[in-house]
Full PDB file with SEQRES, HELIX, SHEET, SSBOND, CRYST1, ORIGX, SCALE, CONECT and MASTER records, all heavy atoms in Angstrom:
SEQRES   1 A   42  GLY PRO ASP PRO ILE THR ASN PRO LYS LEU ARG VAL ALA          
SEQRES   2 A   42  ILE GLU GLN ALA LYS LEU SER ASN MET PRO LYS ASP ASN          
SEQRES   3 A   42  VAL GLU ARG ALA ILE GLN ARG GLY THR GLY GLU LEU ALA          
SEQRES   4 A   42  GLY ASP ASN                                                  
HELIX    1 AA1 PRO A    8  LEU A   19  1                                  12    
HELIX    2 AA2 LYS A   24  THR A   35  1                                  12    
CRYST1    1.000    1.000    1.000  90.00  90.00  90.00 P 1           1          
ORIGX1      1.000000  0.000000  0.000000        0.00000                         
ORIGX2      0.000000  1.000000  0.000000        0.00000                         
ORIGX3      0.000000  0.000000  1.000000        0.00000                         
SCALE1      1.000000  0.000000  0.000000        0.00000                         
SCALE2      0.000000  1.000000  0.000000        0.00000                         
SCALE3      0.000000  0.000000  1.000000        0.00000                         
ATOM      1  N   GLY A   1      33.595  18.667 153.635  1.00  0.00           N  
ATOM      2  CA  GLY A   1      33.834  17.611 154.643  1.00  0.00           C  
ATOM      3  C   GLY A   1      35.154  17.791 155.330  1.00  0.00           C  
ATOM      4  O   GLY A   1      36.148  18.156 154.702  1.00  0.00           O  
ATOM      5  N   PRO A   2      35.217  17.521 156.641  1.00  0.00           N  
ATOM      6  CA  PRO A   2      36.425  17.806 157.421  1.00  0.00           C  
ATOM      7  C   PRO A   2      37.454  16.682 157.402  1.00  0.00           C  
ATOM      8  O   PRO A   2      38.520  16.846 157.986  1.00  0.00           O  
ATOM      9  CB  PRO A   2      35.864  17.969 158.838  1.00  0.00           C  
ATOM     10  CG  PRO A   2      34.660  17.072 158.866  1.00  0.00           C  
ATOM     11  CD  PRO A   2      34.067  17.130 157.494  1.00  0.00           C  
ATOM     12  N   ASP A   3      37.166  15.593 156.749  1.00  0.00           N  
ATOM     13  CA  ASP A   3      38.064  14.423 156.782  1.00  0.00           C  
ATOM     14  C   ASP A   3      38.871  14.352 155.488  1.00  0.00           C  
ATOM     15  O   ASP A   3      38.323  14.116 154.425  1.00  0.00           O  
ATOM     16  CB  ASP A   3      37.257  13.129 156.953  1.00  0.00           C  
ATOM     17  CG  ASP A   3      38.141  11.909 157.135  1.00  0.00           C  
ATOM     18  OD1 ASP A   3      39.401  12.046 156.952  1.00  0.00           O  
ATOM     19  OD2 ASP A   3      37.619  10.819 157.444  1.00  0.00           O  
ATOM     20  N   PRO A   4      40.194  14.590 155.557  1.00  0.00           N  
ATOM     21  CA  PRO A   4      41.019  14.562 154.345  1.00  0.00           C  
ATOM     22  C   PRO A   4      41.069  13.198 153.648  1.00  0.00           C  
ATOM     23  O   PRO A   4      41.398  13.125 152.474  1.00  0.00           O  
ATOM     24  CB  PRO A   4      42.412  14.971 154.839  1.00  0.00           C  
ATOM     25  CG  PRO A   4      42.416  14.705 156.295  1.00  0.00           C  
ATOM     26  CD  PRO A   4      41.004  14.898 156.763  1.00  0.00           C  
ATOM     27  N   ILE A   5      40.725  12.147 154.386  1.00  0.00           N  
ATOM     28  CA  ILE A   5      40.726  10.824 153.775  1.00  0.00           C  
ATOM     29  C   ILE A   5      39.630  10.702 152.727  1.00  0.00           C  
ATOM     30  O   ILE A   5      39.814  10.116 151.658  1.00  0.00           O  
ATOM     31  CB  ILE A   5      40.569   9.733 154.848  1.00  0.00           C  
ATOM     32  CG1 ILE A   5      41.790   9.707 155.777  1.00  0.00           C  
ATOM     33  CG2 ILE A   5      40.389   8.360 154.202  1.00  0.00           C  
ATOM     34  CD1 ILE A   5      41.679   8.737 156.950  1.00  0.00           C  
ATOM     35  N   THR A   6      38.480  11.263 153.031  1.00  0.00           N  
ATOM     36  CA  THR A   6      37.337  11.205 152.112  1.00  0.00           C  
ATOM     37  C   THR A   6      37.140  12.503 151.298  1.00  0.00           C  
ATOM     38  O   THR A   6      36.265  12.549 150.445  1.00  0.00           O  
ATOM     39  CB  THR A   6      36.028  10.916 152.896  1.00  0.00           C  
ATOM     40  OG1 THR A   6      35.868  11.914 153.920  1.00  0.00           O  
ATOM     41  CG2 THR A   6      36.121   9.556 153.568  1.00  0.00           C  
ATOM     42  N   ASN A   7      37.972  13.498 151.562  1.00  0.00           N  
ATOM     43  CA  ASN A   7      37.862  14.778 150.861  1.00  0.00           C  
ATOM     44  C   ASN A   7      39.206  15.109 150.209  1.00  0.00           C  
ATOM     45  O   ASN A   7      40.085  15.706 150.824  1.00  0.00           O  
ATOM     46  CB  ASN A   7      37.486  15.875 151.860  1.00  0.00           C  
ATOM     47  CG  ASN A   7      37.273  17.231 151.192  1.00  0.00           C  
ATOM     48  OD1 ASN A   7      37.641  17.454 150.040  1.00  0.00           O  
ATOM     49  ND2 ASN A   7      36.689  18.186 151.920  1.00  0.00           N  
ATOM     50  N   PRO A   8      39.417  14.664 148.948  1.00  0.00           N  
ATOM     51  CA  PRO A   8      40.692  14.852 148.295  1.00  0.00           C  
ATOM     52  C   PRO A   8      41.076  16.347 148.178  1.00  0.00           C  
ATOM     53  O   PRO A   8      42.282  16.679 148.269  1.00  0.00           O  
ATOM     54  CB  PRO A   8      40.461  14.276 146.881  1.00  0.00           C  
ATOM     55  CG  PRO A   8      39.322  13.335 147.044  1.00  0.00           C  
ATOM     56  CD  PRO A   8      38.453  13.925 148.109  1.00  0.00           C  
ATOM     57  N   LYS A   9      40.109  17.210 148.001  1.00  0.00           N  
ATOM     58  CA  LYS A   9      40.404  18.656 147.906  1.00  0.00           C  
ATOM     59  C   LYS A   9      41.035  19.157 149.182  1.00  0.00           C  
ATOM     60  O   LYS A   9      41.999  19.944 149.164  1.00  0.00           O  
ATOM     61  CB  LYS A   9      39.099  19.413 147.608  1.00  0.00           C  
ATOM     62  CG  LYS A   9      39.275  20.887 147.262  1.00  0.00           C  
ATOM     63  CD  LYS A   9      37.963  21.488 146.842  1.00  0.00           C  
ATOM     64  CE  LYS A   9      38.095  22.972 146.516  1.00  0.00           C  
ATOM     65  NZ  LYS A   9      36.799  23.567 146.100  1.00  0.00           N  
ATOM     66  N   LEU A  10      40.518  18.704 150.330  1.00  0.00           N  
ATOM     67  CA  LEU A  10      41.068  19.100 151.625  1.00  0.00           C  
ATOM     68  C   LEU A  10      42.453  18.473 151.805  1.00  0.00           C  
ATOM     69  O   LEU A  10      43.363  19.126 152.341  1.00  0.00           O  
ATOM     70  CB  LEU A  10      40.142  18.663 152.750  1.00  0.00           C  
ATOM     71  CG  LEU A  10      40.607  18.990 154.179  1.00  0.00           C  
ATOM     72  CD1 LEU A  10      40.818  20.492 154.358  1.00  0.00           C  
ATOM     73  CD2 LEU A  10      39.581  18.472 155.182  1.00  0.00           C  
ATOM     74  N   ARG A  11      42.631  17.268 151.347  1.00  0.00           N  
ATOM     75  CA  ARG A  11      43.895  16.582 151.498  1.00  0.00           C  
ATOM     76  C   ARG A  11      45.021  17.366 150.757  1.00  0.00           C  
ATOM     77  O   ARG A  11      46.116  17.549 151.278  1.00  0.00           O  
ATOM     78  CB  ARG A  11      43.802  15.159 150.955  1.00  0.00           C  
ATOM     79  CG  ARG A  11      45.060  14.322 151.165  1.00  0.00           C  
ATOM     80  CD  ARG A  11      44.785  12.842 151.047  1.00  0.00           C  
ATOM     81  NE  ARG A  11      44.286  12.441 149.777  1.00  0.00           N  
ATOM     82  CZ  ARG A  11      43.041  11.990 149.554  1.00  0.00           C  
ATOM     83  NH1 ARG A  11      42.154  11.913 150.538  1.00  0.00           N  
ATOM     84  NH2 ARG A  11      42.644  11.611 148.342  1.00  0.00           N  
ATOM     85  N   VAL A  12      44.690  17.817 149.553  1.00  0.00           N  
ATOM     86  CA  VAL A  12      45.672  18.596 148.787  1.00  0.00           C  
ATOM     87  C   VAL A  12      45.992  19.911 149.512  1.00  0.00           C  
ATOM     88  O   VAL A  12      47.172  20.317 149.591  1.00  0.00           O  
ATOM     89  CB  VAL A  12      45.141  18.886 147.370  1.00  0.00           C  
ATOM     90  CG1 VAL A  12      45.991  19.929 146.665  1.00  0.00           C  
ATOM     91  CG2 VAL A  12      45.123  17.589 146.544  1.00  0.00           C  
ATOM     92  N   ALA A  13      44.982  20.573 150.054  1.00  0.00           N  
ATOM     93  CA  ALA A  13      45.193  21.814 150.756  1.00  0.00           C  
ATOM     94  C   ALA A  13      46.067  21.635 151.979  1.00  0.00           C  
ATOM     95  O   ALA A  13      46.918  22.467 152.290  1.00  0.00           O  
ATOM     96  CB  ALA A  13      43.844  22.446 151.133  1.00  0.00           C  
ATOM     97  N   ILE A  14      45.819  20.534 152.708  1.00  0.00           N  
ATOM     98  CA  ILE A  14      46.625  20.268 153.907  1.00  0.00           C  
ATOM     99  C   ILE A  14      48.063  19.932 153.525  1.00  0.00           C  
ATOM    100  O   ILE A  14      49.015  20.328 154.217  1.00  0.00           O  
ATOM    101  CB  ILE A  14      45.987  19.138 154.727  1.00  0.00           C  
ATOM    102  CG1 ILE A  14      44.668  19.599 155.338  1.00  0.00           C  
ATOM    103  CG2 ILE A  14      46.943  18.647 155.829  1.00  0.00           C  
ATOM    104  CD1 ILE A  14      43.889  18.504 156.044  1.00  0.00           C  
ATOM    105  N   GLU A  15      48.260  19.260 152.388  1.00  0.00           N  
ATOM    106  CA  GLU A  15      49.614  18.971 151.899  1.00  0.00           C  
ATOM    107  C   GLU A  15      50.348  20.291 151.625  1.00  0.00           C  
ATOM    108  O   GLU A  15      51.535  20.424 151.935  1.00  0.00           O  
ATOM    109  CB  GLU A  15      49.541  18.145 150.651  1.00  0.00           C  
ATOM    110  CG  GLU A  15      49.173  16.678 150.873  1.00  0.00           C  
ATOM    111  CD  GLU A  15      48.958  15.917 149.589  1.00  0.00           C  
ATOM    112  OE1 GLU A  15      49.129  16.531 148.494  1.00  0.00           O  
ATOM    113  OE2 GLU A  15      48.610  14.735 149.641  1.00  0.00           O  
ATOM    114  N   GLN A  16      49.648  21.258 151.062  1.00  0.00           N  
ATOM    115  CA  GLN A  16      50.289  22.550 150.781  1.00  0.00           C  
ATOM    116  C   GLN A  16      50.632  23.244 152.074  1.00  0.00           C  
ATOM    117  O   GLN A  16      51.671  23.933 152.180  1.00  0.00           O  
ATOM    118  CB  GLN A  16      49.334  23.414 149.929  1.00  0.00           C  
ATOM    119  CG  GLN A  16      49.148  22.909 148.529  1.00  0.00           C  
ATOM    120  CD  GLN A  16      48.543  23.953 147.613  1.00  0.00           C  
ATOM    121  OE1 GLN A  16      48.200  25.049 148.017  1.00  0.00           O  
ATOM    122  NE2 GLN A  16      48.410  23.605 146.342  1.00  0.00           N  
ATOM    123  N   ALA A  17      49.755  23.108 153.096  1.00  0.00           N  
ATOM    124  CA  ALA A  17      50.046  23.691 154.386  1.00  0.00           C  
ATOM    125  C   ALA A  17      51.328  23.112 154.978  1.00  0.00           C  
ATOM    126  O   ALA A  17      52.172  23.827 155.546  1.00  0.00           O  
ATOM    127  CB  ALA A  17      48.863  23.499 155.342  1.00  0.00           C  
ATOM    128  N   LYS A  18      51.488  21.800 154.852  1.00  0.00           N  
ATOM    129  CA  LYS A  18      52.687  21.148 155.377  1.00  0.00           C  
ATOM    130  C   LYS A  18      53.935  21.609 154.658  1.00  0.00           C  
ATOM    131  O   LYS A  18      54.991  21.831 155.258  1.00  0.00           O  
ATOM    132  CB  LYS A  18      52.543  19.627 155.269  1.00  0.00           C  
ATOM    133  CG  LYS A  18      51.511  19.038 156.229  1.00  0.00           C  
ATOM    134  CD  LYS A  18      51.355  17.527 156.045  1.00  0.00           C  
ATOM    135  CE  LYS A  18      50.345  16.930 157.016  1.00  0.00           C  
ATOM    136  NZ  LYS A  18      50.155  15.489 156.798  1.00  0.00           N  
ATOM    137  N   LEU A  19      53.863  21.742 153.331  1.00  0.00           N  
ATOM    138  CA  LEU A  19      55.005  22.155 152.525  1.00  0.00           C  
ATOM    139  C   LEU A  19      55.421  23.573 152.866  1.00  0.00           C  
ATOM    140  O   LEU A  19      56.601  23.927 152.746  1.00  0.00           O  
ATOM    141  CB  LEU A  19      54.662  22.043 151.040  1.00  0.00           C  
ATOM    142  CG  LEU A  19      54.644  20.638 150.446  1.00  0.00           C  
ATOM    143  CD1 LEU A  19      54.033  20.639 149.068  1.00  0.00           C  
ATOM    144  CD2 LEU A  19      56.047  20.021 150.444  1.00  0.00           C  
ATOM    145  N   SER A  20      54.484  24.415 153.274  1.00  0.00           N  
ATOM    146  CA  SER A  20      54.818  25.802 153.634  1.00  0.00           C  
ATOM    147  C   SER A  20      55.071  25.942 155.130  1.00  0.00           C  
ATOM    148  O   SER A  20      55.255  27.056 155.622  1.00  0.00           O  
ATOM    149  CB  SER A  20      53.681  26.745 153.228  1.00  0.00           C  
ATOM    150  OG  SER A  20      52.478  26.430 153.914  1.00  0.00           O  
ATOM    151  N   ASN A  21      55.159  24.786 155.835  1.00  0.00           N  
ATOM    152  CA  ASN A  21      55.425  24.792 157.283  1.00  0.00           C  
ATOM    153  C   ASN A  21      54.399  25.549 158.084  1.00  0.00           C  
ATOM    154  O   ASN A  21      54.736  26.199 159.067  1.00  0.00           O  
ATOM    155  CB  ASN A  21      56.863  25.325 157.574  1.00  0.00           C  
ATOM    156  CG  ASN A  21      57.933  24.450 157.007  1.00  0.00           C  
ATOM    157  OD1 ASN A  21      57.864  23.226 157.131  1.00  0.00           O  
ATOM    158  ND2 ASN A  21      58.892  25.036 156.339  1.00  0.00           N  
ATOM    159  N   MET A  22      53.159  25.501 157.659  1.00  0.00           N  
ATOM    160  CA  MET A  22      52.075  26.160 158.366  1.00  0.00           C  
ATOM    161  C   MET A  22      51.784  25.421 159.675  1.00  0.00           C  
ATOM    162  O   MET A  22      51.654  24.206 159.681  1.00  0.00           O  
ATOM    163  CB  MET A  22      50.836  26.157 157.459  1.00  0.00           C  
ATOM    164  CG  MET A  22      49.660  26.939 157.982  1.00  0.00           C  
ATOM    165  SD  MET A  22      48.368  27.030 156.704  1.00  0.00           S  
ATOM    166  CE  MET A  22      47.036  27.785 157.625  1.00  0.00           C  
ATOM    167  N   PRO A  23      51.693  26.152 160.788  1.00  0.00           N  
ATOM    168  CA  PRO A  23      51.433  25.482 162.085  1.00  0.00           C  
ATOM    169  C   PRO A  23      50.129  24.679 162.090  1.00  0.00           C  
ATOM    170  O   PRO A  23      49.165  25.063 161.452  1.00  0.00           O  
ATOM    171  CB  PRO A  23      51.351  26.667 163.061  1.00  0.00           C  
ATOM    172  CG  PRO A  23      52.135  27.765 162.403  1.00  0.00           C  
ATOM    173  CD  PRO A  23      51.913  27.584 160.947  1.00  0.00           C  
ATOM    174  N   LYS A  24      50.181  23.568 162.815  1.00  0.00           N  
ATOM    175  CA  LYS A  24      49.018  22.676 162.879  1.00  0.00           C  
ATOM    176  C   LYS A  24      47.782  23.376 163.389  1.00  0.00           C  
ATOM    177  O   LYS A  24      46.659  23.135 162.912  1.00  0.00           O  
ATOM    178  CB  LYS A  24      49.350  21.458 163.746  1.00  0.00           C  
ATOM    179  CG  LYS A  24      48.287  20.393 163.749  1.00  0.00           C  
ATOM    180  CD  LYS A  24      48.707  19.188 164.578  1.00  0.00           C  
ATOM    181  CE  LYS A  24      47.612  18.121 164.632  1.00  0.00           C  
ATOM    182  NZ  LYS A  24      48.020  16.972 165.442  1.00  0.00           N  
ATOM    183  N   ASP A  25      47.946  24.278 164.376  1.00  0.00           N  
ATOM    184  CA  ASP A  25      46.831  24.988 164.917  1.00  0.00           C  
ATOM    185  C   ASP A  25      46.122  25.838 163.876  1.00  0.00           C  
ATOM    186  O   ASP A  25      44.888  25.939 163.844  1.00  0.00           O  
ATOM    187  CB  ASP A  25      47.258  25.903 166.078  1.00  0.00           C  
ATOM    188  CG  ASP A  25      47.614  25.111 167.338  1.00  0.00           C  
ATOM    189  OD1 ASP A  25      47.302  23.884 167.363  1.00  0.00           O  
ATOM    190  OD2 ASP A  25      48.200  25.684 168.261  1.00  0.00           O  
ATOM    191  N   ASN A  26      46.914  26.442 162.986  1.00  0.00           N  
ATOM    192  CA  ASN A  26      46.338  27.252 161.882  1.00  0.00           C  
ATOM    193  C   ASN A  26      45.504  26.377 160.980  1.00  0.00           C  
ATOM    194  O   ASN A  26      44.434  26.759 160.515  1.00  0.00           O  
ATOM    195  CB  ASN A  26      47.450  27.910 161.081  1.00  0.00           C  
ATOM    196  CG  ASN A  26      48.219  28.940 161.858  1.00  0.00           C  
ATOM    197  OD1 ASN A  26      48.459  28.779 163.052  1.00  0.00           O  
ATOM    198  ND2 ASN A  26      48.628  30.029 161.195  1.00  0.00           N  
ATOM    199  N   VAL A  27      45.997  25.178 160.675  1.00  0.00           N  
ATOM    200  CA  VAL A  27      45.277  24.231 159.821  1.00  0.00           C  
ATOM    201  C   VAL A  27      43.966  23.847 160.456  1.00  0.00           C  
ATOM    202  O   VAL A  27      42.900  23.861 159.789  1.00  0.00           O  
ATOM    203  CB  VAL A  27      46.124  22.990 159.526  1.00  0.00           C  
ATOM    204  CG1 VAL A  27      45.330  21.952 158.768  1.00  0.00           C  
ATOM    205  CG2 VAL A  27      47.412  23.363 158.781  1.00  0.00           C  
ATOM    206  N   GLU A  28      43.992  23.497 161.730  1.00  0.00           N  
ATOM    207  CA  GLU A  28      42.773  23.076 162.416  1.00  0.00           C  
ATOM    208  C   GLU A  28      41.745  24.182 162.468  1.00  0.00           C  
ATOM    209  O   GLU A  28      40.548  23.942 162.289  1.00  0.00           O  
ATOM    210  CB  GLU A  28      43.133  22.572 163.847  1.00  0.00           C  
ATOM    211  CG  GLU A  28      43.932  21.265 163.809  1.00  0.00           C  
ATOM    212  CD  GLU A  28      44.372  20.839 165.209  1.00  0.00           C  
ATOM    213  OE1 GLU A  28      44.195  21.646 166.169  1.00  0.00           O  
ATOM    214  OE2 GLU A  28      44.904  19.717 165.323  1.00  0.00           O  
ATOM    215  N   ARG A  29      42.178  25.431 162.727  1.00  0.00           N  
ATOM    216  CA  ARG A  29      41.233  26.543 162.763  1.00  0.00           C  
ATOM    217  C   ARG A  29      40.619  26.796 161.380  1.00  0.00           C  
ATOM    218  O   ARG A  29      39.426  27.091 161.268  1.00  0.00           O  
ATOM    219  CB  ARG A  29      41.931  27.816 163.267  1.00  0.00           C  
ATOM    220  CG  ARG A  29      42.195  27.817 164.756  1.00  0.00           C  
ATOM    221  CD  ARG A  29      42.506  29.230 165.256  1.00  0.00           C  
ATOM    222  NE  ARG A  29      43.761  29.735 164.662  1.00  0.00           N  
ATOM    223  CZ  ARG A  29      44.984  29.533 165.178  1.00  0.00           C  
ATOM    224  NH1 ARG A  29      45.090  28.844 166.314  1.00  0.00           N  
ATOM    225  NH2 ARG A  29      46.047  30.021 164.598  1.00  0.00           N  
ATOM    226  N   ALA A  30      41.422  26.646 160.344  1.00  0.00           N  
ATOM    227  CA  ALA A  30      40.904  26.836 158.968  1.00  0.00           C  
ATOM    228  C   ALA A  30      39.845  25.798 158.648  1.00  0.00           C  
ATOM    229  O   ALA A  30      38.819  26.097 158.041  1.00  0.00           O  
ATOM    230  CB  ALA A  30      42.045  26.777 157.978  1.00  0.00           C  
ATOM    231  N   ILE A  31      40.088  24.553 159.075  1.00  0.00           N  
ATOM    232  CA  ILE A  31      39.084  23.487 158.884  1.00  0.00           C  
ATOM    233  C   ILE A  31      37.813  23.800 159.628  1.00  0.00           C  
ATOM    234  O   ILE A  31      36.684  23.682 159.115  1.00  0.00           O  
ATOM    235  CB  ILE A  31      39.625  22.125 159.307  1.00  0.00           C  
ATOM    236  CG1 ILE A  31      40.777  21.680 158.378  1.00  0.00           C  
ATOM    237  CG2 ILE A  31      38.532  21.069 159.336  1.00  0.00           C  
ATOM    238  CD1 ILE A  31      41.513  20.426 158.825  1.00  0.00           C  
ATOM    239  N   GLN A  32      37.945  24.241 160.884  1.00  0.00           N  
ATOM    240  CA  GLN A  32      36.770  24.578 161.698  1.00  0.00           C  
ATOM    241  C   GLN A  32      35.960  25.737 161.111  1.00  0.00           C  
ATOM    242  O   GLN A  32      34.745  25.768 161.228  1.00  0.00           O  
ATOM    243  CB  GLN A  32      37.216  24.888 163.134  1.00  0.00           C  
ATOM    244  CG  GLN A  32      37.723  23.647 163.863  1.00  0.00           C  
ATOM    245  CD  GLN A  32      38.354  23.980 165.197  1.00  0.00           C  
ATOM    246  OE1 GLN A  32      38.801  25.106 165.433  1.00  0.00           O  
ATOM    247  NE2 GLN A  32      38.398  22.995 166.092  1.00  0.00           N  
ATOM    248  N   ARG A  33      36.658  26.693 160.485  1.00  0.00           N  
ATOM    249  CA  ARG A  33      35.921  27.784 159.838  1.00  0.00           C  
ATOM    250  C   ARG A  33      35.134  27.243 158.645  1.00  0.00           C  
ATOM    251  O   ARG A  33      34.023  27.699 158.346  1.00  0.00           O  
ATOM    252  CB  ARG A  33      36.888  28.870 159.388  1.00  0.00           C  
ATOM    253  CG  ARG A  33      37.357  29.763 160.530  1.00  0.00           C  
ATOM    254  CD  ARG A  33      38.043  31.034 160.031  1.00  0.00           C  
ATOM    255  NE  ARG A  33      39.314  30.740 159.410  1.00  0.00           N  
ATOM    256  CZ  ARG A  33      40.467  30.692 160.075  1.00  0.00           C  
ATOM    257  NH1 ARG A  33      40.512  30.937 161.383  1.00  0.00           N  
ATOM    258  NH2 ARG A  33      41.589  30.435 159.443  1.00  0.00           N  
ATOM    259  N   GLY A  34      35.730  26.263 157.958  1.00  0.00           N  
ATOM    260  CA  GLY A  34      35.035  25.679 156.799  1.00  0.00           C  
ATOM    261  C   GLY A  34      33.805  24.869 157.210  1.00  0.00           C  
ATOM    262  O   GLY A  34      32.789  24.870 156.473  1.00  0.00           O  
ATOM    263  N   THR A  35      33.894  24.178 158.333  1.00  0.00           N  
ATOM    264  CA  THR A  35      32.766  23.358 158.774  1.00  0.00           C  
ATOM    265  C   THR A  35      31.741  24.154 159.571  1.00  0.00           C  
ATOM    266  O   THR A  35      30.664  23.655 159.902  1.00  0.00           O  
ATOM    267  CB  THR A  35      33.251  22.207 159.660  1.00  0.00           C  
ATOM    268  OG1 THR A  35      33.967  22.737 160.788  1.00  0.00           O  
ATOM    269  CG2 THR A  35      34.191  21.294 158.860  1.00  0.00           C  
ATOM    270  N   GLY A  36      32.081  25.440 159.888  1.00  0.00           N  
ATOM    271  CA  GLY A  36      31.147  26.253 160.649  1.00  0.00           C  
ATOM    272  C   GLY A  36      31.325  26.212 162.157  1.00  0.00           C  
ATOM    273  O   GLY A  36      30.590  26.833 162.881  1.00  0.00           O  
ATOM    274  N   GLU A  37      32.325  25.402 162.620  1.00  0.00           N  
ATOM    275  CA  GLU A  37      32.566  25.326 164.064  1.00  0.00           C  
ATOM    276  C   GLU A  37      33.116  26.651 164.609  1.00  0.00           C  
ATOM    277  O   GLU A  37      32.904  26.986 165.783  1.00  0.00           O  
ATOM    278  CB  GLU A  37      33.565  24.206 164.345  1.00  0.00           C  
ATOM    279  CG  GLU A  37      33.011  22.831 164.065  1.00  0.00           C  
ATOM    280  CD  GLU A  37      34.081  21.748 164.285  1.00  0.00           C  
ATOM    281  OE1 GLU A  37      34.488  21.577 165.440  1.00  0.00           O  
ATOM    282  OE2 GLU A  37      34.496  21.123 163.289  1.00  0.00           O  
ATOM    283  N   LEU A  38      33.844  27.387 163.753  1.00  0.00           N  
ATOM    284  CA  LEU A  38      34.333  28.716 164.113  1.00  0.00           C  
ATOM    285  C   LEU A  38      33.759  29.735 163.135  1.00  0.00           C  
ATOM    286  O   LEU A  38      33.554  29.445 161.942  1.00  0.00           O  
ATOM    287  CB  LEU A  38      35.877  28.766 164.057  1.00  0.00           C  
ATOM    288  CG  LEU A  38      36.661  28.043 165.129  1.00  0.00           C  
ATOM    289  CD1 LEU A  38      38.149  28.178 164.859  1.00  0.00           C  
ATOM    290  CD2 LEU A  38      36.320  28.579 166.505  1.00  0.00           C  
ATOM    291  N   ALA A  39      33.513  30.929 163.655  1.00  0.00           N  
ATOM    292  CA  ALA A  39      33.019  31.994 162.766  1.00  0.00           C  
ATOM    293  C   ALA A  39      34.151  32.426 161.830  1.00  0.00           C  
ATOM    294  O   ALA A  39      35.318  32.395 162.178  1.00  0.00           O  
ATOM    295  CB  ALA A  39      32.533  33.178 163.583  1.00  0.00           C  
ATOM    296  N   GLY A  40      33.785  32.851 160.634  1.00  0.00           N  
ATOM    297  CA  GLY A  40      34.774  33.308 159.690  1.00  0.00           C  
ATOM    298  C   GLY A  40      34.110  34.068 158.523  1.00  0.00           C  
ATOM    299  O   GLY A  40      32.883  34.173 158.452  1.00  0.00           O  
ATOM    300  N   ASP A  41      34.927  34.604 157.639  1.00  0.00           N  
ATOM    301  CA  ASP A  41      34.381  35.335 156.499  1.00  0.00           C  
ATOM    302  C   ASP A  41      33.636  34.387 155.582  1.00  0.00           C  
ATOM    303  O   ASP A  41      33.934  33.179 155.521  1.00  0.00           O  
ATOM    304  CB  ASP A  41      35.538  35.977 155.707  1.00  0.00           C  
ATOM    305  CG  ASP A  41      36.245  37.040 156.504  1.00  0.00           C  
ATOM    306  OD1 ASP A  41      35.598  37.725 157.308  1.00  0.00           O  
ATOM    307  OD2 ASP A  41      37.482  37.220 156.336  1.00  0.00           O  
ATOM    308  N   ASN A  42      32.709  34.919 154.864  1.00  0.00           N  
ATOM    309  CA  ASN A  42      31.930  34.122 153.897  1.00  0.00           C  
ATOM    310  C   ASN A  42      32.736  34.090 152.571  1.00  0.00           C  
ATOM    311  O   ASN A  42      32.595  34.940 151.728  1.00  0.00           O  
ATOM    312  CB  ASN A  42      30.564  34.763 153.657  1.00  0.00           C  
ATOM    313  CG  ASN A  42      29.686  33.924 152.772  1.00  0.00           C  
ATOM    314  OD1 ASN A  42      29.898  32.700 152.644  1.00  0.00           O  
ATOM    315  ND2 ASN A  42      28.711  34.545 152.134  1.00  0.00           N  
TER     316      ASN A  42                                                      
MASTER        0    0    0    2    0    0    0    6  315    1    0    4          
END                                                                             
């Protein structure tokens, strides 16, 4: 699920992204790959 409010696993991953100063665009693309909106590795 793409919503960190209802997906605790995603919320933790996004928290790690923030702690490592990962750009917001990178986070959004990673979410889109997970939901299938963007192509990515299996």
